[in-house]
Amino acid sequence: YCRPSSGNSLYTDKVATVFYTVVIPMLNPLIYSLRNRDVKEALRKLV
């Protein structure tokens, strides 16, 4: 979104868009949660 629109590769744009629309929403709970000691302890207690 922050670059000139001329000469852009549509395929490159689509691949880049996959990262923040599909991959990042999957990674965020893994990165922010499962690596966290408090979350793992709370999950262990709940289970």
ModelCIF file with pLDDT and N, C-alpha, C, O atoms, coordinates in Angstrom:
data_MODEL
#
_entry.id   MODEL 
#
_entity.id                         1 
_entity.type                       polymer 
_entity.pdbx_number_of_molecules   1 
#
_entity_poly.entity_id                      1 
_entity_poly.type                           'polypeptide(L)' 
_entity_poly.nstd_linkage                   no 
_entity_poly.nstd_monomer                   no 
_entity_poly.pdbx_seq_one_letter_code       YCRPSSGNSLYTDKVATVFYTVVIPMLNPLIYSLRNRDVKEALRKLV 
_entity_poly.pdbx_seq_one_letter_code_can   YCRPSSGNSLYTDKVATVFYTVVIPMLNPLIYSLRNRDVKEALRKLV 
_entity_poly.pdbx_strand_id                 A 
#
loop_
_entity_poly_seq.entity_id 
_entity_poly_seq.num 
_entity_poly_seq.mon_id 
_entity_poly_seq.hetero 
1 1  TYR n 
1 2  CYS n 
1 3  ARG n 
1 4  PRO n 
1 5  SER n 
1 6  SER n 
1 7  GLY n 
1 8  ASN n 
1 9  SER n 
1 10 LEU n 
1 11 TYR n 
1 12 THR n 
1 13 ASP n 
1 14 LYS n 
1 15 VAL n 
1 16 ALA n 
1 17 THR n 
1 18 VAL n 
1 19 PHE n 
1 20 TYR n 
1 21 THR n 
1 22 VAL n 
1 23 VAL n 
1 24 ILE n 
1 25 PRO n 
1 26 MET n 
1 27 LEU n 
1 28 ASN n 
1 29 PRO n 
1 30 LEU n 
1 31 ILE n 
1 32 TYR n 
1 33 SER n 
1 34 LEU n 
1 35 ARG n 
1 36 ASN n 
1 37 ARG n 
1 38 ASP n 
1 39 VAL n 
1 40 LYS n 
1 41 GLU n 
1 42 ALA n 
1 43 LEU n 
1 44 ARG n 
1 45 LYS n 
1 46 LEU n 
1 47 VAL n 
#
_struct_asym.id          A 
_struct_asym.entity_id   1 
#
loop_
_ma_qa_metric.id 
_ma_qa_metric.mode 
_ma_qa_metric.name 
_ma_qa_metric.software_group_id 
_ma_qa_metric.type 
1 global pLDDT . pLDDT 
2 local  pLDDT . pLDDT 
#
_ma_qa_metric_global.metric_id      1 
_ma_qa_metric_global.metric_value   76.47 
_ma_qa_metric_global.model_id       1 
_ma_qa_metric_global.ordinal_id     1 
#
loop_
_ma_qa_metric_local.label_asym_id 
_ma_qa_metric_local.label_comp_id 
_ma_qa_metric_local.label_seq_id 
_ma_qa_metric_local.metric_id 
_ma_qa_metric_local.metric_value 
_ma_qa_metric_local.model_id 
_ma_qa_metric_local.ordinal_id 
A TYR 1  2 83.00 1 1  
A CYS 2  2 79.00 1 2  
A ARG 3  2 71.00 1 3  
A PRO 4  2 66.00 1 4  
A SER 5  2 60.00 1 5  
A SER 6  2 51.00 1 6  
A GLY 7  2 49.00 1 7  
A ASN 8  2 54.00 1 8  
A SER 9  2 64.00 1 9  
A LEU 10 2 69.00 1 10 
A TYR 11 2 74.00 1 11 
A THR 12 2 78.00 1 12 
A ASP 13 2 79.00 1 13 
A LYS 14 2 83.00 1 14 
A VAL 15 2 83.00 1 15 
A ALA 16 2 84.00 1 16 
A THR 17 2 87.00 1 17 
A VAL 18 2 89.00 1 18 
A PHE 19 2 85.00 1 19 
A TYR 20 2 83.00 1 20 
A THR 21 2 89.00 1 21 
A VAL 22 2 91.00 1 22 
A VAL 23 2 90.00 1 23 
A ILE 24 2 89.00 1 24 
A PRO 25 2 91.00 1 25 
A MET 26 2 91.00 1 26 
A LEU 27 2 88.00 1 27 
A ASN 28 2 86.00 1 28 
A PRO 29 2 85.00 1 29 
A LEU 30 2 83.00 1 30 
A ILE 31 2 82.00 1 31 
A TYR 32 2 76.00 1 32 
A SER 33 2 70.00 1 33 
A LEU 34 2 64.00 1 34 
A ARG 35 2 64.00 1 35 
A ASN 36 2 71.00 1 36 
A ARG 37 2 73.00 1 37 
A ASP 38 2 73.00 1 38 
A VAL 39 2 76.00 1 39 
A LYS 40 2 73.00 1 40 
A GLU 41 2 77.00 1 41 
A ALA 42 2 75.00 1 42 
A LEU 43 2 75.00 1 43 
A ARG 44 2 77.00 1 44 
A LYS 45 2 75.00 1 45 
A LEU 46 2 70.00 1 46 
A VAL 47 2 69.00 1 47 
#
loop_
_atom_site.group_PDB 
_atom_site.id 
_atom_site.type_symbol 
_atom_site.label_atom_id 
_atom_site.label_alt_id 
_atom_site.label_comp_id 
_atom_site.label_asym_id 
_atom_site.label_entity_id 
_atom_site.label_seq_id 
_atom_site.pdbx_PDB_ins_code 
_atom_site.Cartn_x 
_atom_site.Cartn_y 
_atom_site.Cartn_z 
_atom_site.occupancy 
_atom_site.B_iso_or_equiv 
_atom_site.pdbx_formal_charge 
_atom_site.auth_seq_id 
_atom_site.auth_comp_id 
_atom_site.auth_asym_id 
_atom_site.auth_atom_id 
_atom_site.pdbx_PDB_model_num 
ATOM 1   N N  . TYR A 1 1  ? 0.781  -1.237  0.000   1.00 83.00 ? 1  TYR A N  1 
ATOM 2   C CA . TYR A 1 1  ? 0.000  0.000   0.000   1.00 83.00 ? 1  TYR A CA 1 
ATOM 3   C C  . TYR A 1 1  ? 0.813  1.289   0.000   1.00 83.00 ? 1  TYR A C  1 
ATOM 4   O O  . TYR A 1 1  ? 0.250  2.359   -0.229  1.00 83.00 ? 1  TYR A O  1 
ATOM 5   N N  . CYS A 1 2  ? 2.093  1.223   0.244   1.00 79.00 ? 2  CYS A N  1 
ATOM 6   C CA . CYS A 1 2  ? 2.887  2.455   0.376   1.00 79.00 ? 2  CYS A CA 1 
ATOM 7   C C  . CYS A 1 2  ? 3.965  2.566   -0.692  1.00 79.00 ? 2  CYS A C  1 
ATOM 8   O O  . CYS A 1 2  ? 5.086  2.990   -0.413  1.00 79.00 ? 2  CYS A O  1 
ATOM 9   N N  . ARG A 1 3  ? 3.623  2.187   -1.905  1.00 71.00 ? 3  ARG A N  1 
ATOM 10  C CA . ARG A 1 3  ? 4.565  2.304   -3.024  1.00 71.00 ? 3  ARG A CA 1 
ATOM 11  C C  . ARG A 1 3  ? 3.792  2.678   -4.274  1.00 71.00 ? 3  ARG A C  1 
ATOM 12  O O  . ARG A 1 3  ? 2.580  2.468   -4.330  1.00 71.00 ? 3  ARG A O  1 
ATOM 13  N N  . PRO A 1 4  ? 4.465  3.229   -5.286  1.00 66.00 ? 4  PRO A N  1 
ATOM 14  C CA . PRO A 1 4  ? 3.778  3.576   -6.536  1.00 66.00 ? 4  PRO A CA 1 
ATOM 15  C C  . PRO A 1 4  ? 3.138  2.350   -7.164  1.00 66.00 ? 4  PRO A C  1 
ATOM 16  O O  . PRO A 1 4  ? 3.684  1.250   -7.086  1.00 66.00 ? 4  PRO A O  1 
ATOM 17  N N  . SER A 1 5  ? 1.981  2.538   -7.785  1.00 60.00 ? 5  SER A N  1 
ATOM 18  C CA . SER A 1 5  ? 1.229  1.411   -8.337  1.00 60.00 ? 5  SER A CA 1 
ATOM 19  C C  . SER A 1 5  ? 1.740  0.948   -9.696  1.00 60.00 ? 5  SER A C  1 
ATOM 20  O O  . SER A 1 5  ? 1.439  -0.171  -10.111 1.00 60.00 ? 5  SER A O  1 
ATOM 21  N N  . SER A 1 6  ? 2.492  1.766   -10.385 1.00 51.00 ? 6  SER A N  1 
ATOM 22  C CA . SER A 1 6  ? 2.944  1.409   -11.728 1.00 51.00 ? 6  SER A CA 1 
ATOM 23  C C  . SER A 1 6  ? 4.020  0.334   -11.691 1.00 51.00 ? 6  SER A C  1 
ATOM 24  O O  . SER A 1 6  ? 4.955  0.385   -10.892 1.00 51.00 ? 6  SER A O  1 
ATOM 25  N N  . GLY A 1 7  ? 3.861  -0.638  -12.577 1.00 49.00 ? 7  GLY A N  1 
ATOM 26  C CA . GLY A 1 7  ? 4.881  -1.671  -12.730 1.00 49.00 ? 7  GLY A CA 1 
ATOM 27  C C  . GLY A 1 7  ? 4.853  -2.749  -11.671 1.00 49.00 ? 7  GLY A C  1 
ATOM 28  O O  . GLY A 1 7  ? 5.797  -3.534  -11.574 1.00 49.00 ? 7  GLY A O  1 
ATOM 29  N N  . ASN A 1 8  ? 3.810  -2.813  -10.882 1.00 54.00 ? 8  ASN A N  1 
ATOM 30  C CA . ASN A 1 8  ? 3.738  -3.828  -9.852  1.00 54.00 ? 8  ASN A CA 1 
ATOM 31  C C  . ASN A 1 8  ? 3.445  -5.196  -10.461 1.00 54.00 ? 8  ASN A C  1 
ATOM 32  O O  . ASN A 1 8  ? 2.673  -5.302  -11.415 1.00 54.00 ? 8  ASN A O  1 
ATOM 33  N N  . SER A 1 9  ? 4.046  -6.218  -9.923  1.00 64.00 ? 9  SER A N  1 
ATOM 34  C CA . SER A 1 9  ? 3.743  -7.578  -10.323 1.00 64.00 ? 9  SER A CA 1 
ATOM 35  C C  . SER A 1 9  ? 2.526  -8.059  -9.540  1.00 64.00 ? 9  SER A C  1 
ATOM 36  O O  . SER A 1 9  ? 2.546  -8.099  -8.310  1.00 64.00 ? 9  SER A O  1 
ATOM 37  N N  . LEU A 1 10 ? 1.454  -8.429  -10.270 1.00 69.00 ? 10 LEU A N  1 
ATOM 38  C CA . LEU A 1 10 ? 0.231  -8.866  -9.601  1.00 69.00 ? 10 LEU A CA 1 
ATOM 39  C C  . LEU A 1 10 ? 0.464  -10.147 -8.817  1.00 69.00 ? 10 LEU A C  1 
ATOM 40  O O  . LEU A 1 10 ? -0.082 -10.316 -7.727  1.00 69.00 ? 10 LEU A O  1 
ATOM 41  N N  . TYR A 1 11 ? 1.276  -11.058 -9.368  1.00 74.00 ? 11 TYR A N  1 
ATOM 42  C CA . TYR A 1 11 ? 1.549  -12.311 -8.663  1.00 74.00 ? 11 TYR A CA 1 
ATOM 43  C C  . TYR A 1 11 ? 2.327  -12.043 -7.373  1.00 74.00 ? 11 TYR A C  1 
ATOM 44  O O  . TYR A 1 11 ? 2.032  -12.632 -6.333  1.00 74.00 ? 11 TYR A O  1 
ATOM 45  N N  . THR A 1 12 ? 3.315  -11.157 -7.442  1.00 78.00 ? 12 THR A N  1 
ATOM 46  C CA . THR A 1 12 ? 4.092  -10.806 -6.250  1.00 78.00 ? 12 THR A CA 1 
ATOM 47  C C  . THR A 1 12 ? 3.203  -10.169 -5.196  1.00 78.00 ? 12 THR A C  1 
ATOM 48  O O  . THR A 1 12 ? 3.330  -10.461 -4.007  1.00 78.00 ? 12 THR A O  1 
ATOM 49  N N  . ASP A 1 13 ? 2.295  -9.291  -5.639  1.00 79.00 ? 13 ASP A N  1 
ATOM 50  C CA . ASP A 1 13 ? 1.366  -8.651  -4.711  1.00 79.00 ? 13 ASP A CA 1 
ATOM 51  C C  . ASP A 1 13 ? 0.489  -9.677  -4.013  1.00 79.00 ? 13 ASP A C  1 
ATOM 52  O O  . ASP A 1 13 ? 0.254  -9.589  -2.808  1.00 79.00 ? 13 ASP A O  1 
ATOM 53  N N  . LYS A 1 14 ? 0.003  -10.658 -4.781  1.00 83.00 ? 14 LYS A N  1 
ATOM 54  C CA . LYS A 1 14 ? -0.880 -11.665 -4.185  1.00 83.00 ? 14 LYS A CA 1 
ATOM 55  C C  . LYS A 1 14 ? -0.135 -12.531 -3.169  1.00 83.00 ? 14 LYS A C  1 
ATOM 56  O O  . LYS A 1 14 ? -0.678 -12.865 -2.115  1.00 83.00 ? 14 LYS A O  1 
ATOM 57  N N  . VAL A 1 15 ? 1.093  -12.889 -3.484  1.00 83.00 ? 15 VAL A N  1 
ATOM 58  C CA . VAL A 1 15 ? 1.894  -13.692 -2.551  1.00 83.00 ? 15 VAL A CA 1 
ATOM 59  C C  . VAL A 1 15 ? 2.174  -12.899 -1.273  1.00 83.00 ? 15 VAL A C  1 
ATOM 60  O O  . VAL A 1 15 ? 2.086  -13.441 -0.171  1.00 83.00 ? 15 VAL A O  1 
ATOM 61  N N  . ALA A 1 16 ? 2.512  -11.612 -1.424  1.00 84.00 ? 16 ALA A N  1 
ATOM 62  C CA . ALA A 1 16 ? 2.779  -10.773 -0.257  1.00 84.00 ? 16 ALA A CA 1 
ATOM 63  C C  . ALA A 1 16 ? 1.517  -10.605 0.586   1.00 84.00 ? 16 ALA A C  1 
ATOM 64  O O  . ALA A 1 16 ? 1.583  -10.601 1.816   1.00 84.00 ? 16 ALA A O  1 
ATOM 65  N N  . THR A 1 17 ? 0.369  -10.466 -0.078  1.00 87.00 ? 17 THR A N  1 
ATOM 66  C CA . THR A 1 17 ? -0.889 -10.283 0.636   1.00 87.00 ? 17 THR A CA 1 
ATOM 67  C C  . THR A 1 17 ? -1.261 -11.511 1.454   1.00 87.00 ? 17 THR A C  1 
ATOM 68  O O  . THR A 1 17 ? -1.874 -11.394 2.515   1.00 87.00 ? 17 THR A O  1 
ATOM 69  N N  . VAL A 1 18 ? -0.891 -12.693 0.959   1.00 89.00 ? 18 VAL A N  1 
ATOM 70  C CA . VAL A 1 18 ? -1.174 -13.931 1.697   1.00 89.00 ? 18 VAL A CA 1 
ATOM 71  C C  . VAL A 1 18 ? -0.557 -13.887 3.093   1.00 89.00 ? 18 VAL A C  1 
ATOM 72  O O  . VAL A 1 18 ? -1.133 -14.415 4.045   1.00 89.00 ? 18 VAL A O  1 
ATOM 73  N N  . PHE A 1 19 ? 0.617  -13.258 3.219   1.00 85.00 ? 19 PHE A N  1 
ATOM 74  C CA . PHE A 1 19 ? 1.301  -13.229 4.500   1.00 85.00 ? 19 PHE A CA 1 
ATOM 75  C C  . PHE A 1 19 ? 0.480  -12.523 5.568   1.00 85.00 ? 19 PHE A C  1 
ATOM 76  O O  . PHE A 1 19 ? 0.317  -13.047 6.671   1.00 85.00 ? 19 PHE A O  1 
ATOM 77  N N  . TYR A 1 20 ? -0.047 -11.320 5.248   1.00 83.00 ? 20 TYR A N  1 
ATOM 78  C CA . TYR A 1 20 ? -0.735 -10.596 6.310   1.00 83.00 ? 20 TYR A CA 1 
ATOM 79  C C  . TYR A 1 20 ? -2.235 -10.886 6.385   1.00 83.00 ? 20 TYR A C  1 
ATOM 80  O O  . TYR A 1 20 ? -2.882 -10.492 7.355   1.00 83.00 ? 20 TYR A O  1 
ATOM 81  N N  . THR A 1 21 ? -2.803 -11.567 5.380   1.00 89.00 ? 21 THR A N  1 
ATOM 82  C CA . THR A 1 21 ? -4.224 -11.917 5.453   1.00 89.00 ? 21 THR A CA 1 
ATOM 83  C C  . THR A 1 21 ? -4.453 -13.350 5.928   1.00 89.00 ? 21 THR A C  1 
ATOM 84  O O  . THR A 1 21 ? -5.506 -13.645 6.492   1.00 89.00 ? 21 THR A O  1 
ATOM 85  N N  . VAL A 1 22 ? -3.491 -14.244 5.711   1.00 91.00 ? 22 VAL A N  1 
ATOM 86  C CA . VAL A 1 22 ? -3.689 -15.660 6.013   1.00 91.00 ? 22 VAL A CA 1 
ATOM 87  C C  . VAL A 1 22 ? -2.661 -16.183 7.024   1.00 91.00 ? 22 VAL A C  1 
ATOM 88  O O  . VAL A 1 22 ? -3.026 -16.822 8.010   1.00 91.00 ? 22 VAL A O  1 
ATOM 89  N N  . VAL A 1 23 ? -1.385 -15.910 6.776   1.00 90.00 ? 23 VAL A N  1 
ATOM 90  C CA . VAL A 1 23 ? -0.322 -16.497 7.594   1.00 90.00 ? 23 VAL A CA 1 
ATOM 91  C C  . VAL A 1 23 ? -0.191 -15.810 8.954   1.00 90.00 ? 23 VAL A C  1 
ATOM 92  O O  . VAL A 1 23 ? -0.126 -16.486 9.981   1.00 90.00 ? 23 VAL A O  1 
ATOM 93  N N  . ILE A 1 24 ? -0.153 -14.472 8.972   1.00 89.00 ? 24 ILE A N  1 
ATOM 94  C CA . ILE A 1 24 ? 0.024  -13.736 10.229  1.00 89.00 ? 24 ILE A CA 1 
ATOM 95  C C  . ILE A 1 24 ? -1.084 -14.035 11.236  1.00 89.00 ? 24 ILE A C  1 
ATOM 96  O O  . ILE A 1 24 ? -0.777 -14.248 12.409  1.00 89.00 ? 24 ILE A O  1 
ATOM 97  N N  . PRO A 1 25 ? -2.378 -14.062 10.832  1.00 91.00 ? 25 PRO A N  1 
ATOM 98  C CA . PRO A 1 25 ? -3.420 -14.416 11.811  1.00 91.00 ? 25 PRO A CA 1 
ATOM 99  C C  . PRO A 1 25 ? -3.246 -15.797 12.421  1.00 91.00 ? 25 PRO A C  1 
ATOM 100 O O  . PRO A 1 25 ? -3.688 -16.035 13.545  1.00 91.00 ? 25 PRO A O  1 
ATOM 101 N N  . MET A 1 26 ? -2.604 -16.717 11.694  1.00 91.00 ? 26 MET A N  1 
ATOM 102 C CA . MET A 1 26 ? -2.322 -18.032 12.252  1.00 91.00 ? 26 MET A CA 1 
ATOM 103 C C  . MET A 1 26 ? -1.138 -17.984 13.215  1.00 91.00 ? 26 MET A C  1 
ATOM 104 O O  . MET A 1 26 ? -1.151 -18.644 14.254  1.00 91.00 ? 26 MET A O  1 
ATOM 105 N N  . LEU A 1 27 ? -0.108 -17.196 12.863  1.00 88.00 ? 27 LEU A N  1 
ATOM 106 C CA . LEU A 1 27 ? 1.112  -17.170 13.665  1.00 88.00 ? 27 LEU A CA 1 
ATOM 107 C C  . LEU A 1 27 ? 0.967  -16.389 14.966  1.00 88.00 ? 27 LEU A C  1 
ATOM 108 O O  . LEU A 1 27 ? 1.594  -16.739 15.966  1.00 88.00 ? 27 LEU A O  1 
ATOM 109 N N  . ASN A 1 28 ? 0.153  -15.340 14.967  1.00 86.00 ? 28 ASN A N  1 
ATOM 110 C CA . ASN A 1 28 ? 0.062  -14.473 16.149  1.00 86.00 ? 28 ASN A CA 1 
ATOM 111 C C  . ASN A 1 28 ? -0.269 -15.213 17.439  1.00 86.00 ? 28 ASN A C  1 
ATOM 112 O O  . ASN A 1 28 ? 0.429  -15.017 18.434  1.00 86.00 ? 28 ASN A O  1 
ATOM 113 N N  . PRO A 1 29 ? -1.317 -16.069 17.469  1.00 85.00 ? 29 PRO A N  1 
ATOM 114 C CA . PRO A 1 29 ? -1.580 -16.776 18.733  1.00 85.00 ? 29 PRO A CA 1 
ATOM 115 C C  . PRO A 1 29 ? -0.461 -17.733 19.125  1.00 85.00 ? 29 PRO A C  1 
ATOM 116 O O  . PRO A 1 29 ? -0.241 -17.982 20.310  1.00 85.00 ? 29 PRO A O  1 
ATOM 117 N N  . LEU A 1 30 ? 0.251  -18.271 18.129  1.00 83.00 ? 30 LEU A N  1 
ATOM 118 C CA . LEU A 1 30 ? 1.377  -19.165 18.446  1.00 83.00 ? 30 LEU A CA 1 
ATOM 119 C C  . LEU A 1 30 ? 2.541  -18.380 19.020  1.00 83.00 ? 30 LEU A C  1 
ATOM 120 O O  . LEU A 1 30 ? 3.161  -18.812 19.992  1.00 83.00 ? 30 LEU A O  1 
ATOM 121 N N  . ILE A 1 31 ? 2.845  -17.233 18.433  1.00 82.00 ? 31 ILE A N  1 
ATOM 122 C CA . ILE A 1 31 ? 3.986  -16.425 18.868  1.00 82.00 ? 31 ILE A CA 1 
ATOM 123 C C  . ILE A 1 31 ? 3.719  -15.748 20.206  1.00 82.00 ? 31 ILE A C  1 
ATOM 124 O O  . ILE A 1 31 ? 4.562  -15.780 21.103  1.00 82.00 ? 31 ILE A O  1 
ATOM 125 N N  . TYR A 1 32 ? 2.541  -15.134 20.339  1.00 76.00 ? 32 TYR A N  1 
ATOM 126 C CA . TYR A 1 32 ? 2.236  -14.369 21.544  1.00 76.00 ? 32 TYR A CA 1 
ATOM 127 C C  . TYR A 1 32 ? 1.749  -15.231 22.702  1.00 76.00 ? 32 TYR A C  1 
ATOM 128 O O  . TYR A 1 32 ? 1.782  -14.797 23.854  1.00 76.00 ? 32 TYR A O  1 
ATOM 129 N N  . SER A 1 33 ? 1.299  -16.447 22.410  1.00 70.00 ? 33 SER A N  1 
ATOM 130 C CA . SER A 1 33 ? 0.645  -17.231 23.447  1.00 70.00 ? 33 SER A CA 1 
ATOM 131 C C  . SER A 1 33 ? 1.419  -18.480 23.853  1.00 70.00 ? 33 SER A C  1 
ATOM 132 O O  . SER A 1 33 ? 1.790  -18.639 25.016  1.00 70.00 ? 33 SER A O  1 
ATOM 133 N N  . LEU A 1 34 ? 1.660  -19.365 22.886  1.00 64.00 ? 34 LEU A N  1 
ATOM 134 C CA . LEU A 1 34 ? 2.232  -20.657 23.239  1.00 64.00 ? 34 LEU A CA 1 
ATOM 135 C C  . LEU A 1 34 ? 3.678  -20.550 23.723  1.00 64.00 ? 34 LEU A C  1 
ATOM 136 O O  . LEU A 1 34 ? 4.171  -21.441 24.414  1.00 64.00 ? 34 LEU A O  1 
ATOM 137 N N  . ARG A 1 35 ? 4.359  -19.453 23.357  1.00 64.00 ? 35 ARG A N  1 
ATOM 138 C CA . ARG A 1 35 ? 5.714  -19.242 23.866  1.00 64.00 ? 35 ARG A CA 1 
ATOM 139 C C  . ARG A 1 35 ? 5.698  -18.553 25.233  1.00 64.00 ? 35 ARG A C  1 
ATOM 140 O O  . ARG A 1 35 ? 6.751  -18.295 25.815  1.00 64.00 ? 35 ARG A O  1 
ATOM 141 N N  . ASN A 1 36 ? 4.506  -18.259 25.736  1.00 71.00 ? 36 ASN A N  1 
ATOM 142 C CA . ASN A 1 36 ? 4.366  -17.510 26.973  1.00 71.00 ? 36 ASN A CA 1 
ATOM 143 C C  . ASN A 1 36 ? 4.146  -18.457 28.145  1.00 71.00 ? 36 ASN A C  1 
ATOM 144 O O  . ASN A 1 36 ? 3.295  -19.345 28.087  1.00 71.00 ? 36 ASN A O  1 
ATOM 145 N N  . ARG A 1 37 ? 4.923  -18.260 29.216  1.00 73.00 ? 37 ARG A N  1 
ATOM 146 C CA . ARG A 1 37 ? 4.852  -19.150 30.371  1.00 73.00 ? 37 ARG A CA 1 
ATOM 147 C C  . ARG A 1 37 ? 3.488  -19.059 31.057  1.00 73.00 ? 37 ARG A C  1 
ATOM 148 O O  . ARG A 1 37 ? 2.936  -20.078 31.472  1.00 73.00 ? 37 ARG A O  1 
ATOM 149 N N  . ASP A 1 38 ? 2.936  -17.837 31.180  1.00 73.00 ? 38 ASP A N  1 
ATOM 150 C CA . ASP A 1 38 ? 1.645  -17.663 31.846  1.00 73.00 ? 38 ASP A CA 1 
ATOM 151 C C  . ASP A 1 38 ? 0.527  -18.379 31.097  1.00 73.00 ? 38 ASP A C  1 
ATOM 152 O O  . ASP A 1 38 ? -0.340 -19.002 31.710  1.00 73.00 ? 38 ASP A O  1 
ATOM 153 N N  . VAL A 1 39 ? 0.552  -18.289 29.783  1.00 76.00 ? 39 VAL A N  1 
ATOM 154 C CA . VAL A 1 39 ? -0.486 -18.937 28.975  1.00 76.00 ? 39 VAL A CA 1 
ATOM 155 C C  . VAL A 1 39 ? -0.384 -20.452 29.103  1.00 76.00 ? 39 VAL A C  1 
ATOM 156 O O  . VAL A 1 39 ? -1.399 -21.130 29.266  1.00 76.00 ? 39 VAL A O  1 
ATOM 157 N N  . LYS A 1 40 ? 0.827  -20.987 29.030  1.00 73.00 ? 40 LYS A N  1 
ATOM 158 C CA . LYS A 1 40 ? 1.004  -22.432 29.143  1.00 73.00 ? 40 LYS A CA 1 
ATOM 159 C C  . LYS A 1 40 ? 0.581  -22.933 30.525  1.00 73.00 ? 40 LYS A C  1 
ATOM 160 O O  . LYS A 1 40 ? 0.004  -24.013 30.651  1.00 73.00 ? 40 LYS A O  1 
ATOM 161 N N  . GLU A 1 41 ? 0.871  -22.144 31.556  1.00 77.00 ? 41 GLU A N  1 
ATOM 162 C CA . GLU A 1 41 ? 0.478  -22.523 32.914  1.00 77.00 ? 41 GLU A CA 1 
ATOM 163 C C  . GLU A 1 41 ? -1.037 -22.479 33.078  1.00 77.00 ? 41 GLU A C  1 
ATOM 164 O O  . GLU A 1 41 ? -1.625 -23.367 33.696  1.00 77.00 ? 41 GLU A O  1 
ATOM 165 N N  . ALA A 1 42 ? -1.673 -21.439 32.520  1.00 75.00 ? 42 ALA A N  1 
ATOM 166 C CA . ALA A 1 42 ? -3.138 -21.331 32.596  1.00 75.00 ? 42 ALA A CA 1 
ATOM 167 C C  . ALA A 1 42 ? -3.803 -22.470 31.839  1.00 75.00 ? 42 ALA A C  1 
ATOM 168 O O  . ALA A 1 42 ? -4.808 -23.018 32.294  1.00 75.00 ? 42 ALA A O  1 
ATOM 169 N N  . LEU A 1 43 ? -3.245 -22.831 30.681  1.00 75.00 ? 43 LEU A N  1 
ATOM 170 C CA . LEU A 1 43 ? -3.787 -23.939 29.891  1.00 75.00 ? 43 LEU A CA 1 
ATOM 171 C C  . LEU A 1 43 ? -3.619 -25.261 30.628  1.00 75.00 ? 43 LEU A C  1 
ATOM 172 O O  . LEU A 1 43 ? -4.507 -26.113 30.613  1.00 75.00 ? 43 LEU A O  1 
ATOM 173 N N  . ARG A 1 44 ? -2.467 -25.417 31.271  1.00 77.00 ? 44 ARG A N  1 
ATOM 174 C CA . ARG A 1 44 ? -2.206 -26.647 32.034  1.00 77.00 ? 44 ARG A CA 1 
ATOM 175 C C  . ARG A 1 44 ? -3.191 -26.786 33.200  1.00 77.00 ? 44 ARG A C  1 
ATOM 176 O O  . ARG A 1 44 ? -3.706 -27.872 33.464  1.00 77.00 ? 44 ARG A O  1 
ATOM 177 N N  . LYS A 1 45 ? -3.442 -25.683 33.883  1.00 75.00 ? 45 LYS A N  1 
ATOM 178 C CA . LYS A 1 45 ? -4.381 -25.714 35.003  1.00 75.00 ? 45 LYS A CA 1 
ATOM 179 C C  . LYS A 1 45 ? -5.795 -26.009 34.536  1.00 75.00 ? 45 LYS A C  1 
ATOM 180 O O  . LYS A 1 45 ? -6.530 -26.755 35.183  1.00 75.00 ? 45 LYS A O  1 
ATOM 181 N N  . LEU A 1 46 ? -6.174 -25.415 33.396  1.00 70.00 ? 46 LEU A N  1 
ATOM 182 C CA . LEU A 1 46 ? -7.523 -25.621 32.869  1.00 70.00 ? 46 LEU A CA 1 
ATOM 183 C C  . LEU A 1 46 ? -7.727 -27.063 32.448  1.00 70.00 ? 46 LEU A C  1 
ATOM 184 O O  . LEU A 1 46 ? -8.757 -27.661 32.758  1.00 70.00 ? 46 LEU A O  1 
ATOM 185 N N  . VAL A 1 47 ? -6.749 -27.631 31.739  1.00 69.00 ? 47 VAL A N  1 
ATOM 186 C CA . VAL A 1 47 ? -6.848 -29.028 31.309  1.00 69.00 ? 47 VAL A CA 1 
ATOM 187 C C  . VAL A 1 47 ? -6.850 -29.958 32.515  1.00 69.00 ? 47 VAL A C  1 
ATOM 188 O O  . VAL A 1 47 ? -6.927 -31.176 32.355  1.00 69.00 ? 47 VAL A O  1 
#
